Amino acid sequence: MLSKGHAGPALYSTLAIKGYFPVEELSTLNQNGTRLPSHPDRLKTRGIDATTGSLGQGISIAAGMALSHKLAGRPNRVFCIVGDGELNEGQCWEAFQFIAHHRLNNLLVFVDWNKQQLDGELDEIINPFDLEGKFHAFGFDVHTVKGDDIPALQAIAKPVLAADARPRLVILDSIKGQGVSYLEQLGNSHHLRLTEESRKALNETIEQLEAMHD
């Protein structure tokens, strides 16, 4: 579940790698008639469980899915990625309180803490203060890991075995455009209009990444 639906292209790339549709189809992103719109749409794209993009709503959908699995006695797990700017929405905190109250530890929540949102720096728009402390107070088992630390993420994503354990929440200490030096160095890369200079820099990065995996 990608609550921060504006990150749809990353999800589409993952689905293509997993074989839900041809990798070549990624080039149709946002084009007329595409199956890959800007925000994920469950009626258009294979592998999308819920339409998201209206921020604040995805975590509530994930909570409902997790509760459904619990009530039905199913072993299914739910994973939800929430944006840090998205936490400005009060609905998120209502959902978090619901998740903790019902001990929905079959739901693993990731908060993409990249410190930026649409209009600028997170701290300048609405300061989130102590995210770890807030989520702990809301009843979560909280962990903070580097967003690109794959072994740590794999370890933390293991199922919670105790039936009465707190639900787990992972704060991803990340950078927008992580792994692409050009994007990492921009003041705000939430939304870009590509110039010739930026296209050249991004193409060079793609070539370097391709060379690493040849």
N, C-alpha and C. Protein backbone atom coordinates (compact mmCIF):
# COMPACT_ATOMS: atom_id res chain seq x y z
N MET A 1 0.85 -1.18 0.00
CA MET A 1 0.00 0.00 0.00
C MET A 1 0.89 1.24 0.00
N LEU A 2 0.76 2.06 -1.05
CA LEU A 2 1.54 3.28 -1.15
C LEU A 2 0.62 4.46 -0.83
N SER A 3 0.56 4.84 0.46
CA SER A 3 -0.32 5.94 0.83
C SER A 3 0.12 7.24 0.16
N LYS A 4 1.45 7.45 0.08
CA LYS A 4 1.97 8.65 -0.61
C LYS A 4 1.97 8.36 -2.11
N GLY A 5 0.76 8.42 -2.69
CA GLY A 5 0.58 7.99 -4.07
C GLY A 5 1.38 8.74 -5.11
N HIS A 6 1.87 9.94 -4.77
CA HIS A 6 2.67 10.69 -5.74
C HIS A 6 4.01 10.02 -6.02
N ALA A 7 4.37 9.00 -5.22
CA ALA A 7 5.59 8.22 -5.48
C ALA A 7 5.28 7.02 -6.38
N GLY A 8 4.17 7.09 -7.09
CA GLY A 8 3.74 6.00 -7.96
C GLY A 8 4.81 5.44 -8.89
N PRO A 9 5.63 6.28 -9.54
CA PRO A 9 6.64 5.74 -10.45
C PRO A 9 7.58 4.72 -9.81
N ALA A 10 7.91 4.90 -8.54
CA ALA A 10 8.76 3.93 -7.85
C ALA A 10 8.03 2.60 -7.68
N LEU A 11 6.74 2.68 -7.36
CA LEU A 11 5.94 1.47 -7.22
C LEU A 11 5.78 0.77 -8.57
N TYR A 12 5.54 1.54 -9.62
CA TYR A 12 5.40 0.96 -10.96
C TYR A 12 6.68 0.23 -11.37
N SER A 13 7.81 0.82 -11.06
CA SER A 13 9.09 0.19 -11.42
C SER A 13 9.22 -1.16 -10.72
N THR A 14 8.84 -1.20 -9.45
CA THR A 14 8.91 -2.45 -8.69
C THR A 14 7.97 -3.50 -9.28
N LEU A 15 6.75 -3.09 -9.62
CA LEU A 15 5.78 -4.02 -10.20
C LEU A 15 6.26 -4.56 -11.54
N ALA A 16 6.89 -3.69 -12.34
CA ALA A 16 7.40 -4.13 -13.64
C ALA A 16 8.51 -5.16 -13.46
N ILE A 17 9.41 -4.91 -12.51
CA ILE A 17 10.50 -5.86 -12.23
C ILE A 17 9.94 -7.20 -11.78
N LYS A 18 8.82 -7.15 -11.04
CA LYS A 18 8.20 -8.37 -10.54
C LYS A 18 7.31 -9.06 -11.59
N GLY A 19 7.19 -8.46 -12.78
CA GLY A 19 6.49 -9.12 -13.87
C GLY A 19 5.01 -8.83 -13.99
N TYR A 20 4.51 -7.81 -13.31
CA TYR A 20 3.09 -7.48 -13.43
C TYR A 20 2.75 -6.90 -14.80
N PHE A 21 3.72 -6.27 -15.42
CA PHE A 21 3.56 -5.76 -16.78
C PHE A 21 4.96 -5.54 -17.36
N PRO A 22 5.10 -5.39 -18.69
CA PRO A 22 6.42 -5.26 -19.30
C PRO A 22 7.15 -3.99 -18.83
N VAL A 23 8.44 -4.11 -18.62
CA VAL A 23 9.26 -2.96 -18.21
C VAL A 23 9.13 -1.83 -19.22
N GLU A 24 9.00 -2.16 -20.49
CA GLU A 24 8.90 -1.14 -21.54
C GLU A 24 7.69 -0.23 -21.34
N GLU A 25 6.69 -0.72 -20.63
CA GLU A 25 5.48 0.07 -20.43
C GLU A 25 5.72 1.26 -19.50
N LEU A 26 6.82 1.24 -18.76
CA LEU A 26 7.12 2.35 -17.85
C LEU A 26 7.26 3.68 -18.61
N SER A 27 7.65 3.61 -19.87
CA SER A 27 7.83 4.84 -20.66
C SER A 27 6.51 5.51 -21.00
N THR A 28 5.38 4.85 -20.72
CA THR A 28 4.06 5.45 -20.99
C THR A 28 3.54 6.24 -19.80
N LEU A 29 4.33 6.36 -18.73
CA LEU A 29 3.90 7.06 -17.52
C LEU A 29 3.24 8.41 -17.86
N ASN A 30 2.02 8.59 -17.35
CA ASN A 30 1.26 9.85 -17.47
C ASN A 30 0.86 10.22 -18.89
N GLN A 31 1.07 9.35 -19.85
CA GLN A 31 0.64 9.66 -21.22
C GLN A 31 -0.84 9.35 -21.37
N ASN A 32 -1.46 9.95 -22.39
CA ASN A 32 -2.89 9.68 -22.63
C ASN A 32 -3.11 8.19 -22.86
N GLY A 33 -4.09 7.64 -22.17
CA GLY A 33 -4.42 6.24 -22.34
C GLY A 33 -3.52 5.28 -21.57
N THR A 34 -2.57 5.78 -20.80
CA THR A 34 -1.66 4.91 -20.07
C THR A 34 -2.37 4.10 -18.99
N ARG A 35 -1.76 2.97 -18.65
CA ARG A 35 -2.20 2.22 -17.47
C ARG A 35 -1.41 2.63 -16.23
N LEU A 36 -0.53 3.63 -16.39
CA LEU A 36 0.34 4.07 -15.30
C LEU A 36 0.13 5.57 -15.07
N PRO A 37 -0.98 5.95 -14.44
CA PRO A 37 -1.23 7.37 -14.17
C PRO A 37 -0.32 7.90 -13.07
N SER A 38 -0.37 9.20 -12.85
CA SER A 38 0.50 9.84 -11.86
C SER A 38 0.36 9.21 -10.49
N HIS A 39 -0.87 8.99 -10.06
CA HIS A 39 -1.15 8.32 -8.78
C HIS A 39 -1.70 6.93 -9.05
N PRO A 40 -1.32 5.93 -8.26
CA PRO A 40 -1.78 4.55 -8.49
C PRO A 40 -3.30 4.44 -8.49
N ASP A 41 -3.80 3.67 -9.45
CA ASP A 41 -5.23 3.48 -9.61
C ASP A 41 -5.50 1.97 -9.73
N ARG A 42 -6.21 1.40 -8.79
CA ARG A 42 -6.42 -0.05 -8.77
C ARG A 42 -7.23 -0.54 -9.97
N LEU A 43 -7.96 0.35 -10.62
CA LEU A 43 -8.76 -0.04 -11.78
C LEU A 43 -7.97 0.01 -13.07
N LYS A 44 -6.74 0.53 -13.02
CA LYS A 44 -5.94 0.67 -14.23
C LYS A 44 -4.71 -0.22 -14.26
N THR A 45 -4.10 -0.46 -13.09
CA THR A 45 -2.78 -1.08 -13.06
C THR A 45 -2.80 -2.39 -12.29
N ARG A 46 -2.29 -3.45 -12.89
CA ARG A 46 -2.17 -4.74 -12.20
C ARG A 46 -1.22 -4.60 -11.02
N GLY A 47 -1.60 -5.19 -9.88
CA GLY A 47 -0.75 -5.16 -8.70
C GLY A 47 -1.06 -4.05 -7.73
N ILE A 48 -1.95 -3.13 -8.12
CA ILE A 48 -2.33 -2.03 -7.22
C ILE A 48 -3.55 -2.46 -6.41
N ASP A 49 -3.41 -2.49 -5.09
CA ASP A 49 -4.50 -2.93 -4.22
C ASP A 49 -5.49 -1.81 -3.91
N ALA A 50 -5.03 -0.57 -3.92
CA ALA A 50 -5.92 0.53 -3.56
C ALA A 50 -5.48 1.80 -4.29
N THR A 51 -6.45 2.57 -4.74
CA THR A 51 -6.18 3.85 -5.36
C THR A 51 -5.76 4.84 -4.28
N THR A 52 -4.60 5.46 -4.45
CA THR A 52 -4.11 6.41 -3.43
C THR A 52 -3.60 7.68 -4.10
N GLY A 53 -3.26 8.64 -3.28
CA GLY A 53 -2.78 9.92 -3.79
C GLY A 53 -3.43 11.07 -3.06
N SER A 54 -4.68 10.90 -2.64
CA SER A 54 -5.28 11.89 -1.74
C SER A 54 -4.68 11.62 -0.36
N LEU A 55 -3.73 12.44 0.03
CA LEU A 55 -2.90 12.13 1.19
C LEU A 55 -3.71 12.01 2.47
N GLY A 56 -3.27 11.06 3.30
CA GLY A 56 -3.92 10.81 4.58
C GLY A 56 -4.86 9.63 4.56
N GLN A 57 -5.27 9.20 3.37
CA GLN A 57 -6.29 8.16 3.29
C GLN A 57 -5.72 6.75 3.24
N GLY A 58 -4.51 6.60 2.69
CA GLY A 58 -3.94 5.28 2.49
C GLY A 58 -3.76 4.50 3.78
N ILE A 59 -3.32 5.16 4.84
CA ILE A 59 -3.08 4.47 6.10
C ILE A 59 -4.40 3.97 6.70
N SER A 60 -5.49 4.68 6.47
CA SER A 60 -6.80 4.21 6.95
C SER A 60 -7.22 2.96 6.18
N ILE A 61 -6.96 2.94 4.86
CA ILE A 61 -7.28 1.77 4.06
C ILE A 61 -6.46 0.58 4.54
N ALA A 62 -5.17 0.81 4.79
CA ALA A 62 -4.30 -0.26 5.27
C ALA A 62 -4.78 -0.80 6.62
N ALA A 63 -5.23 0.09 7.49
CA ALA A 63 -5.74 -0.34 8.80
C ALA A 63 -6.97 -1.23 8.62
N GLY A 64 -7.85 -0.87 7.71
CA GLY A 64 -9.03 -1.68 7.44
C GLY A 64 -8.67 -3.05 6.90
N MET A 65 -7.69 -3.10 6.00
CA MET A 65 -7.23 -4.38 5.46
C MET A 65 -6.67 -5.27 6.57
N ALA A 66 -5.83 -4.67 7.42
CA ALA A 66 -5.20 -5.44 8.50
C ALA A 66 -6.25 -5.97 9.48
N LEU A 67 -7.23 -5.14 9.83
CA LEU A 67 -8.28 -5.58 10.74
C LEU A 67 -9.10 -6.71 10.12
N SER A 68 -9.36 -6.60 8.82
CA SER A 68 -10.11 -7.64 8.12
C SER A 68 -9.39 -8.99 8.21
N HIS A 69 -8.08 -8.97 7.98
CA HIS A 69 -7.29 -10.20 8.06
C HIS A 69 -7.33 -10.77 9.49
N LYS A 70 -7.20 -9.89 10.48
CA LYS A 70 -7.23 -10.34 11.88
C LYS A 70 -8.56 -11.01 12.21
N LEU A 71 -9.67 -10.36 11.84
CA LEU A 71 -10.99 -10.88 12.18
C LEU A 71 -11.27 -12.21 11.48
N ALA A 72 -10.71 -12.36 10.27
CA ALA A 72 -10.93 -13.59 9.50
C ALA A 72 -9.93 -14.69 9.86
N GLY A 73 -8.96 -14.37 10.72
CA GLY A 73 -7.97 -15.35 11.11
C GLY A 73 -6.98 -15.69 10.01
N ARG A 74 -6.81 -14.76 9.07
CA ARG A 74 -5.87 -15.00 7.97
C ARG A 74 -4.46 -14.60 8.38
N PRO A 75 -3.44 -15.25 7.84
CA PRO A 75 -2.06 -14.91 8.18
C PRO A 75 -1.49 -13.76 7.35
N ASN A 76 -2.30 -13.18 6.49
CA ASN A 76 -1.84 -12.12 5.60
C ASN A 76 -1.27 -10.94 6.36
N ARG A 77 -0.28 -10.29 5.75
CA ARG A 77 0.29 -9.07 6.32
C ARG A 77 0.04 -7.89 5.38
N VAL A 78 0.04 -6.70 5.95
CA VAL A 78 -0.17 -5.47 5.19
C VAL A 78 1.03 -4.56 5.42
N PHE A 79 1.52 -3.94 4.34
CA PHE A 79 2.63 -3.00 4.43
C PHE A 79 2.15 -1.65 3.87
N CYS A 80 2.44 -0.58 4.57
CA CYS A 80 1.98 0.74 4.13
C CYS A 80 3.11 1.76 4.24
N ILE A 81 3.33 2.52 3.16
CA ILE A 81 4.33 3.59 3.15
C ILE A 81 3.62 4.94 3.20
N VAL A 82 3.95 5.72 4.21
CA VAL A 82 3.35 7.03 4.44
C VAL A 82 4.43 8.10 4.30
N GLY A 83 4.08 9.24 3.73
CA GLY A 83 5.04 10.34 3.61
C GLY A 83 5.11 11.17 4.87
N ASP A 84 6.26 11.78 5.13
CA ASP A 84 6.36 12.61 6.33
C ASP A 84 5.52 13.88 6.22
N GLY A 85 5.44 14.47 5.03
CA GLY A 85 4.57 15.62 4.84
C GLY A 85 3.10 15.24 4.97
N GLU A 86 2.79 14.00 4.61
CA GLU A 86 1.43 13.48 4.72
C GLU A 86 0.94 13.48 6.16
N LEU A 87 1.87 13.45 7.11
CA LEU A 87 1.49 13.42 8.52
C LEU A 87 0.87 14.74 8.97
N ASN A 88 0.84 15.75 8.09
CA ASN A 88 0.10 16.99 8.38
C ASN A 88 -1.40 16.71 8.45
N GLU A 89 -1.81 15.61 7.83
CA GLU A 89 -3.24 15.27 7.79
C GLU A 89 -3.68 14.62 9.10
N GLY A 90 -4.71 15.17 9.71
CA GLY A 90 -5.21 14.63 10.98
C GLY A 90 -5.72 13.20 10.86
N GLN A 91 -6.21 12.83 9.67
CA GLN A 91 -6.73 11.48 9.48
C GLN A 91 -5.66 10.43 9.76
N CYS A 92 -4.40 10.75 9.46
CA CYS A 92 -3.32 9.79 9.72
C CYS A 92 -3.27 9.43 11.20
N TRP A 93 -3.37 10.43 12.06
CA TRP A 93 -3.22 10.18 13.49
C TRP A 93 -4.44 9.46 14.06
N GLU A 94 -5.61 9.68 13.48
CA GLU A 94 -6.78 8.89 13.87
C GLU A 94 -6.54 7.42 13.52
N ALA A 95 -5.97 7.19 12.33
CA ALA A 95 -5.71 5.81 11.90
C ALA A 95 -4.64 5.16 12.78
N PHE A 96 -3.59 5.92 13.12
CA PHE A 96 -2.54 5.36 13.97
C PHE A 96 -3.09 4.94 15.33
N GLN A 97 -3.96 5.78 15.89
CA GLN A 97 -4.55 5.45 17.18
C GLN A 97 -5.41 4.18 17.07
N PHE A 98 -6.14 4.06 15.97
CA PHE A 98 -6.97 2.88 15.72
C PHE A 98 -6.10 1.63 15.59
N ILE A 99 -5.01 1.74 14.85
CA ILE A 99 -4.10 0.60 14.62
C ILE A 99 -3.52 0.10 15.95
N ALA A 100 -3.05 1.03 16.77
CA ALA A 100 -2.44 0.65 18.05
C ALA A 100 -3.48 0.07 19.00
N HIS A 101 -4.66 0.69 19.04
CA HIS A 101 -5.71 0.21 19.95
C HIS A 101 -6.09 -1.24 19.64
N HIS A 102 -6.18 -1.57 18.36
CA HIS A 102 -6.59 -2.91 17.95
C HIS A 102 -5.41 -3.87 17.78
N ARG A 103 -4.22 -3.42 18.19
CA ARG A 103 -3.02 -4.28 18.12
C ARG A 103 -2.87 -4.92 16.73
N LEU A 104 -2.95 -4.09 15.71
CA LEU A 104 -2.86 -4.60 14.34
C LEU A 104 -1.39 -4.78 13.96
N ASN A 105 -0.76 -5.77 14.61
CA ASN A 105 0.66 -6.00 14.38
C ASN A 105 0.91 -6.85 13.12
N ASN A 106 -0.15 -7.13 12.36
CA ASN A 106 0.01 -7.69 11.02
C ASN A 106 0.17 -6.59 9.98
N LEU A 107 0.19 -5.35 10.45
CA LEU A 107 0.42 -4.18 9.60
C LEU A 107 1.77 -3.56 9.95
N LEU A 108 2.62 -3.41 8.96
CA LEU A 108 3.92 -2.76 9.15
C LEU A 108 3.89 -1.42 8.44
N VAL A 109 4.09 -0.35 9.20
CA VAL A 109 4.01 1.01 8.65
C VAL A 109 5.42 1.56 8.46
N PHE A 110 5.67 2.14 7.29
CA PHE A 110 6.92 2.84 7.00
C PHE A 110 6.61 4.32 6.81
N VAL A 111 7.37 5.17 7.49
CA VAL A 111 7.25 6.62 7.29
C VAL A 111 8.49 7.09 6.55
N ASP A 112 8.28 7.62 5.34
CA ASP A 112 9.40 8.13 4.53
C ASP A 112 9.78 9.51 5.05
N TRP A 113 10.76 9.53 5.93
CA TRP A 113 11.20 10.78 6.57
C TRP A 113 12.32 11.40 5.73
N ASN A 114 11.90 12.09 4.64
CA ASN A 114 12.88 12.72 3.76
C ASN A 114 13.01 14.22 4.00
N LYS A 115 12.26 14.72 4.97
CA LYS A 115 12.36 16.10 5.47
C LYS A 115 11.89 17.17 4.49
N GLN A 116 11.25 16.78 3.39
CA GLN A 116 10.72 17.76 2.45
C GLN A 116 9.29 17.40 2.09
N GLN A 117 8.53 18.40 1.67
CA GLN A 117 7.22 18.15 1.11
C GLN A 117 7.00 19.11 -0.04
N LEU A 118 5.80 19.15 -0.59
CA LEU A 118 5.56 19.87 -1.84
C LEU A 118 6.08 21.30 -1.81
N ASP A 119 5.81 22.02 -0.73
CA ASP A 119 6.10 23.45 -0.69
C ASP A 119 7.42 23.82 -0.02
N GLY A 120 8.22 22.84 0.37
CA GLY A 120 9.50 23.18 0.98
C GLY A 120 9.92 22.21 2.07
N GLU A 121 10.76 22.73 2.97
CA GLU A 121 11.29 21.90 4.05
C GLU A 121 10.20 21.59 5.07
N LEU A 122 10.22 20.36 5.55
CA LEU A 122 9.21 19.89 6.50
C LEU A 122 9.17 20.78 7.75
N ASP A 123 10.34 21.08 8.31
CA ASP A 123 10.41 21.84 9.56
C ASP A 123 9.86 23.26 9.41
N GLU A 124 9.92 23.81 8.18
CA GLU A 124 9.46 25.17 7.95
C GLU A 124 7.94 25.25 7.79
N ILE A 125 7.33 24.17 7.32
CA ILE A 125 5.90 24.19 7.02
C ILE A 125 5.09 23.77 8.24
N ILE A 126 5.29 22.56 8.72
CA ILE A 126 4.73 22.12 10.01
C ILE A 126 5.76 21.20 10.65
N ASN A 127 6.38 21.68 11.69
CA ASN A 127 7.44 20.92 12.35
C ASN A 127 6.87 19.63 12.95
N PRO A 128 7.41 18.47 12.56
CA PRO A 128 6.89 17.21 13.10
C PRO A 128 7.39 16.91 14.51
N PHE A 129 8.39 17.67 14.99
CA PHE A 129 9.00 17.48 16.30
C PHE A 129 9.53 16.05 16.43
N ASP A 130 9.31 15.41 17.55
CA ASP A 130 9.94 14.10 17.82
C ASP A 130 9.05 12.98 17.29
N LEU A 131 9.33 12.53 16.06
CA LEU A 131 8.49 11.50 15.46
C LEU A 131 8.56 10.19 16.24
N GLU A 132 9.77 9.80 16.63
CA GLU A 132 9.91 8.56 17.39
C GLU A 132 9.07 8.62 18.67
N GLY A 133 9.21 9.71 19.40
CA GLY A 133 8.48 9.85 20.66
C GLY A 133 6.97 9.87 20.45
N LYS A 134 6.52 10.54 19.39
CA LYS A 134 5.09 10.63 19.13
C LYS A 134 4.50 9.25 18.80
N PHE A 135 5.18 8.51 17.94
CA PHE A 135 4.66 7.20 17.57
C PHE A 135 4.72 6.22 18.74
N HIS A 136 5.75 6.34 19.55
CA HIS A 136 5.82 5.49 20.74
C HIS A 136 4.65 5.80 21.67
N ALA A 137 4.36 7.09 21.84
CA ALA A 137 3.25 7.49 22.70
C ALA A 137 1.91 7.02 22.13
N PHE A 138 1.84 6.86 20.80
CA PHE A 138 0.61 6.38 20.17
C PHE A 138 0.48 4.87 20.23
N GLY A 139 1.49 4.18 20.80
CA GLY A 139 1.36 2.75 21.02
C GLY A 139 2.08 1.86 20.05
N PHE A 140 3.08 2.40 19.33
CA PHE A 140 3.81 1.62 18.34
C PHE A 140 5.17 1.17 18.86
N ASP A 141 5.64 0.06 18.30
CA ASP A 141 7.02 -0.38 18.45
C ASP A 141 7.80 0.33 17.35
N VAL A 142 8.59 1.33 17.70
CA VAL A 142 9.16 2.26 16.72
C VAL A 142 10.64 1.97 16.48
N HIS A 143 11.03 2.00 15.21
CA HIS A 143 12.42 1.82 14.83
C HIS A 143 12.77 2.87 13.77
N THR A 144 13.99 3.40 13.83
CA THR A 144 14.47 4.32 12.80
C THR A 144 15.67 3.69 12.10
N VAL A 145 15.61 3.60 10.78
CA VAL A 145 16.71 3.03 10.01
C VAL A 145 16.99 3.93 8.81
N LYS A 146 18.18 3.83 8.27
CA LYS A 146 18.53 4.56 7.06
C LYS A 146 17.69 4.01 5.90
N GLY A 147 17.18 4.90 5.08
CA GLY A 147 16.30 4.48 4.00
C GLY A 147 16.93 3.57 2.98
N ASP A 148 18.26 3.60 2.88
CA ASP A 148 18.94 2.75 1.89
C ASP A 148 19.66 1.56 2.55
N ASP A 149 19.35 1.28 3.81
CA ASP A 149 19.97 0.15 4.51
C ASP A 149 19.10 -1.09 4.30
N ILE A 150 19.31 -1.77 3.18
CA ILE A 150 18.47 -2.89 2.79
C ILE A 150 18.52 -4.04 3.82
N PRO A 151 19.71 -4.45 4.30
CA PRO A 151 19.72 -5.53 5.30
C PRO A 151 18.91 -5.19 6.55
N ALA A 152 19.01 -3.94 7.00
CA ALA A 152 18.25 -3.53 8.19
C ALA A 152 16.75 -3.57 7.91
N LEU A 153 16.35 -3.17 6.72
CA LEU A 153 14.94 -3.19 6.36
C LEU A 153 14.42 -4.62 6.26
N GLN A 154 15.21 -5.50 5.71
CA GLN A 154 14.80 -6.91 5.62
C GLN A 154 14.64 -7.52 7.00
N ALA A 155 15.54 -7.17 7.90
CA ALA A 155 15.47 -7.71 9.25
C ALA A 155 14.24 -7.18 9.99
N ILE A 156 13.95 -5.91 9.81
CA ILE A 156 12.85 -5.30 10.56
C ILE A 156 11.49 -5.70 10.01
N ALA A 157 11.48 -6.19 8.76
CA ALA A 157 10.22 -6.54 8.11
C ALA A 157 9.75 -7.95 8.46
N LYS A 158 10.50 -8.66 9.28
CA LYS A 158 10.09 -10.01 9.67
C LYS A 158 8.79 -9.94 10.48
N PRO A 159 7.95 -10.96 10.38
CA PRO A 159 6.66 -10.94 11.09
C PRO A 159 6.81 -10.79 12.60
N VAL A 160 5.85 -10.11 13.21
CA VAL A 160 5.75 -10.01 14.67
C VAL A 160 5.09 -11.28 15.17
N LEU A 161 5.76 -12.03 16.02
CA LEU A 161 5.26 -13.34 16.43
C LEU A 161 4.26 -13.28 17.57
N ALA A 162 4.46 -12.40 18.54
CA ALA A 162 3.57 -12.33 19.70
C ALA A 162 2.23 -11.71 19.30
N ALA A 163 1.15 -12.38 19.60
CA ALA A 163 -0.18 -11.92 19.19
C ALA A 163 -0.54 -10.58 19.82
N ASP A 164 -0.02 -10.31 21.02
CA ASP A 164 -0.37 -9.08 21.71
C ASP A 164 0.70 -8.00 21.59
N ALA A 165 1.66 -8.20 20.68
CA ALA A 165 2.74 -7.23 20.53
C ALA A 165 2.22 -5.92 19.92
N ARG A 166 2.93 -4.84 20.22
CA ARG A 166 2.58 -3.56 19.60
C ARG A 166 2.78 -3.64 18.09
N PRO A 167 1.97 -2.93 17.31
CA PRO A 167 2.25 -2.84 15.89
C PRO A 167 3.57 -2.12 15.67
N ARG A 168 4.27 -2.47 14.60
CA ARG A 168 5.61 -1.93 14.34
C ARG A 168 5.55 -0.80 13.32
N LEU A 169 6.33 0.23 13.58
CA LEU A 169 6.44 1.37 12.66
C LEU A 169 7.91 1.69 12.44
N VAL A 170 8.29 1.85 11.19
CA VAL A 170 9.68 2.11 10.83
C VAL A 170 9.80 3.51 10.23
N ILE A 171 10.62 4.34 10.84
CA ILE A 171 10.91 5.67 10.29
C ILE A 171 12.13 5.55 9.38
N LEU A 172 11.93 5.83 8.10
CA LEU A 172 13.01 5.72 7.12
C LEU A 172 13.74 7.06 7.03
N ASP A 173 14.92 7.12 7.57
CA ASP A 173 15.75 8.33 7.52
C ASP A 173 16.33 8.42 6.12
N SER A 174 15.68 9.20 5.27
CA SER A 174 16.02 9.19 3.84
C SER A 174 16.23 10.60 3.29
N ILE A 175 16.60 10.63 2.01
CA ILE A 175 16.82 11.88 1.28
C ILE A 175 16.03 11.77 -0.01
N LYS A 176 15.36 12.82 -0.42
CA LYS A 176 14.65 12.77 -1.70
C LYS A 176 15.64 12.53 -2.83
N GLY A 177 15.30 11.60 -3.70
CA GLY A 177 16.19 11.29 -4.82
C GLY A 177 17.42 10.51 -4.40
N GLN A 178 17.33 9.80 -3.26
CA GLN A 178 18.49 9.11 -2.70
C GLN A 178 19.13 8.17 -3.73
N GLY A 179 20.46 8.24 -3.82
CA GLY A 179 21.21 7.42 -4.77
C GLY A 179 21.51 8.14 -6.07
N VAL A 180 20.87 9.29 -6.28
CA VAL A 180 21.13 10.11 -7.47
C VAL A 180 21.71 11.42 -6.98
N SER A 181 23.01 11.58 -7.11
CA SER A 181 23.70 12.72 -6.49
C SER A 181 23.12 14.06 -6.94
N TYR A 182 22.74 14.18 -8.20
CA TYR A 182 22.18 15.44 -8.71
C TYR A 182 20.92 15.82 -7.92
N LEU A 183 20.04 14.83 -7.69
CA LEU A 183 18.80 15.11 -6.97
C LEU A 183 19.05 15.35 -5.49
N GLU A 184 19.99 14.61 -4.91
CA GLU A 184 20.28 14.77 -3.49
C GLU A 184 20.76 16.18 -3.16
N GLN A 185 21.42 16.82 -4.12
CA GLN A 185 22.02 18.13 -3.86
C GLN A 185 21.07 19.29 -4.13
N LEU A 186 19.90 19.00 -4.70
CA LEU A 186 18.94 20.08 -4.95
C LEU A 186 18.28 20.52 -3.65
N GLY A 187 17.91 21.79 -3.60
CA GLY A 187 17.24 22.30 -2.41
C GLY A 187 15.91 21.63 -2.17
N ASN A 188 15.15 21.41 -3.24
CA ASN A 188 13.87 20.72 -3.13
C ASN A 188 13.59 20.01 -4.44
N SER A 189 13.55 18.70 -4.40
CA SER A 189 13.33 17.92 -5.62
C SER A 189 11.98 17.21 -5.60
N HIS A 190 11.05 17.75 -4.81
CA HIS A 190 9.73 17.11 -4.73
C HIS A 190 9.06 17.10 -6.10
N HIS A 191 9.20 18.20 -6.83
CA HIS A 191 8.59 18.29 -8.17
C HIS A 191 9.57 19.03 -9.07
N LEU A 192 9.88 18.42 -10.21
CA LEU A 192 10.90 19.00 -11.10
C LEU A 192 10.35 19.23 -12.49
N ARG A 193 10.79 20.33 -13.10
CA ARG A 193 10.62 20.53 -14.54
C ARG A 193 12.02 20.40 -15.13
N LEU A 194 12.23 19.35 -15.89
CA LEU A 194 13.57 19.03 -16.35
C LEU A 194 14.09 20.04 -17.36
N THR A 195 15.33 20.46 -17.15
CA THR A 195 16.04 21.31 -18.10
C THR A 195 17.04 20.43 -18.85
N GLU A 196 17.70 20.99 -19.85
CA GLU A 196 18.72 20.23 -20.57
C GLU A 196 19.83 19.80 -19.62
N GLU A 197 20.19 20.70 -18.70
CA GLU A 197 21.25 20.39 -17.73
C GLU A 197 20.84 19.21 -16.83
N SER A 198 19.60 19.27 -16.33
CA SER A 198 19.15 18.21 -15.42
C SER A 198 18.97 16.88 -16.18
N ARG A 199 18.50 16.95 -17.41
CA ARG A 199 18.36 15.73 -18.21
C ARG A 199 19.72 15.07 -18.41
N LYS A 200 20.72 15.88 -18.71
CA LYS A 200 22.07 15.36 -18.93
C LYS A 200 22.59 14.69 -17.65
N ALA A 201 22.41 15.36 -16.51
CA ALA A 201 22.89 14.82 -15.23
C ALA A 201 22.19 13.51 -14.89
N LEU A 202 20.89 13.45 -15.12
CA LEU A 202 20.13 12.24 -14.81
C LEU A 202 20.50 11.10 -15.75
N ASN A 203 20.68 11.40 -17.02
CA ASN A 203 21.08 10.37 -17.99
C ASN A 203 22.46 9.80 -17.64
N GLU A 204 23.36 10.66 -17.18
CA GLU A 204 24.69 10.18 -16.78
C GLU A 204 24.58 9.23 -15.59
N THR A 205 23.70 9.57 -14.65
CA THR A 205 23.50 8.70 -13.48
C THR A 205 22.92 7.35 -13.90
N ILE A 206 21.96 7.37 -14.82
CA ILE A 206 21.36 6.13 -15.31
C ILE A 206 22.42 5.25 -15.98
N GLU A 207 23.28 5.87 -16.77
CA GLU A 207 24.35 5.11 -17.43
C GLU A 207 25.30 4.49 -16.41
N GLN A 208 25.61 5.24 -15.35
CA GLN A 208 26.49 4.70 -14.31
C GLN A 208 25.84 3.53 -13.59
N LEU A 209 24.54 3.64 -13.29
CA LEU A 209 23.83 2.56 -12.61
C LEU A 209 23.74 1.32 -13.50
N GLU A 210 23.50 1.54 -14.78
CA GLU A 210 23.44 0.41 -15.72
C GLU A 210 24.78 -0.30 -15.82
N ALA A 211 25.87 0.48 -15.81
CA ALA A 211 27.21 -0.09 -15.89
C ALA A 211 27.52 -0.93 -14.66
N MET A 212 27.00 -0.52 -13.50
CA MET A 212 27.23 -1.25 -12.26
C MET A 212 26.55 -2.60 -12.26
N HIS A 213 25.47 -2.74 -13.04
CA HIS A 213 24.70 -3.98 -13.01
C HIS A 213 24.88 -4.82 -14.28
N ASP A 214 25.79 -4.43 -15.13
CA ASP A 214 26.08 -5.21 -16.34
C ASP A 214 26.87 -6.47 -15.99
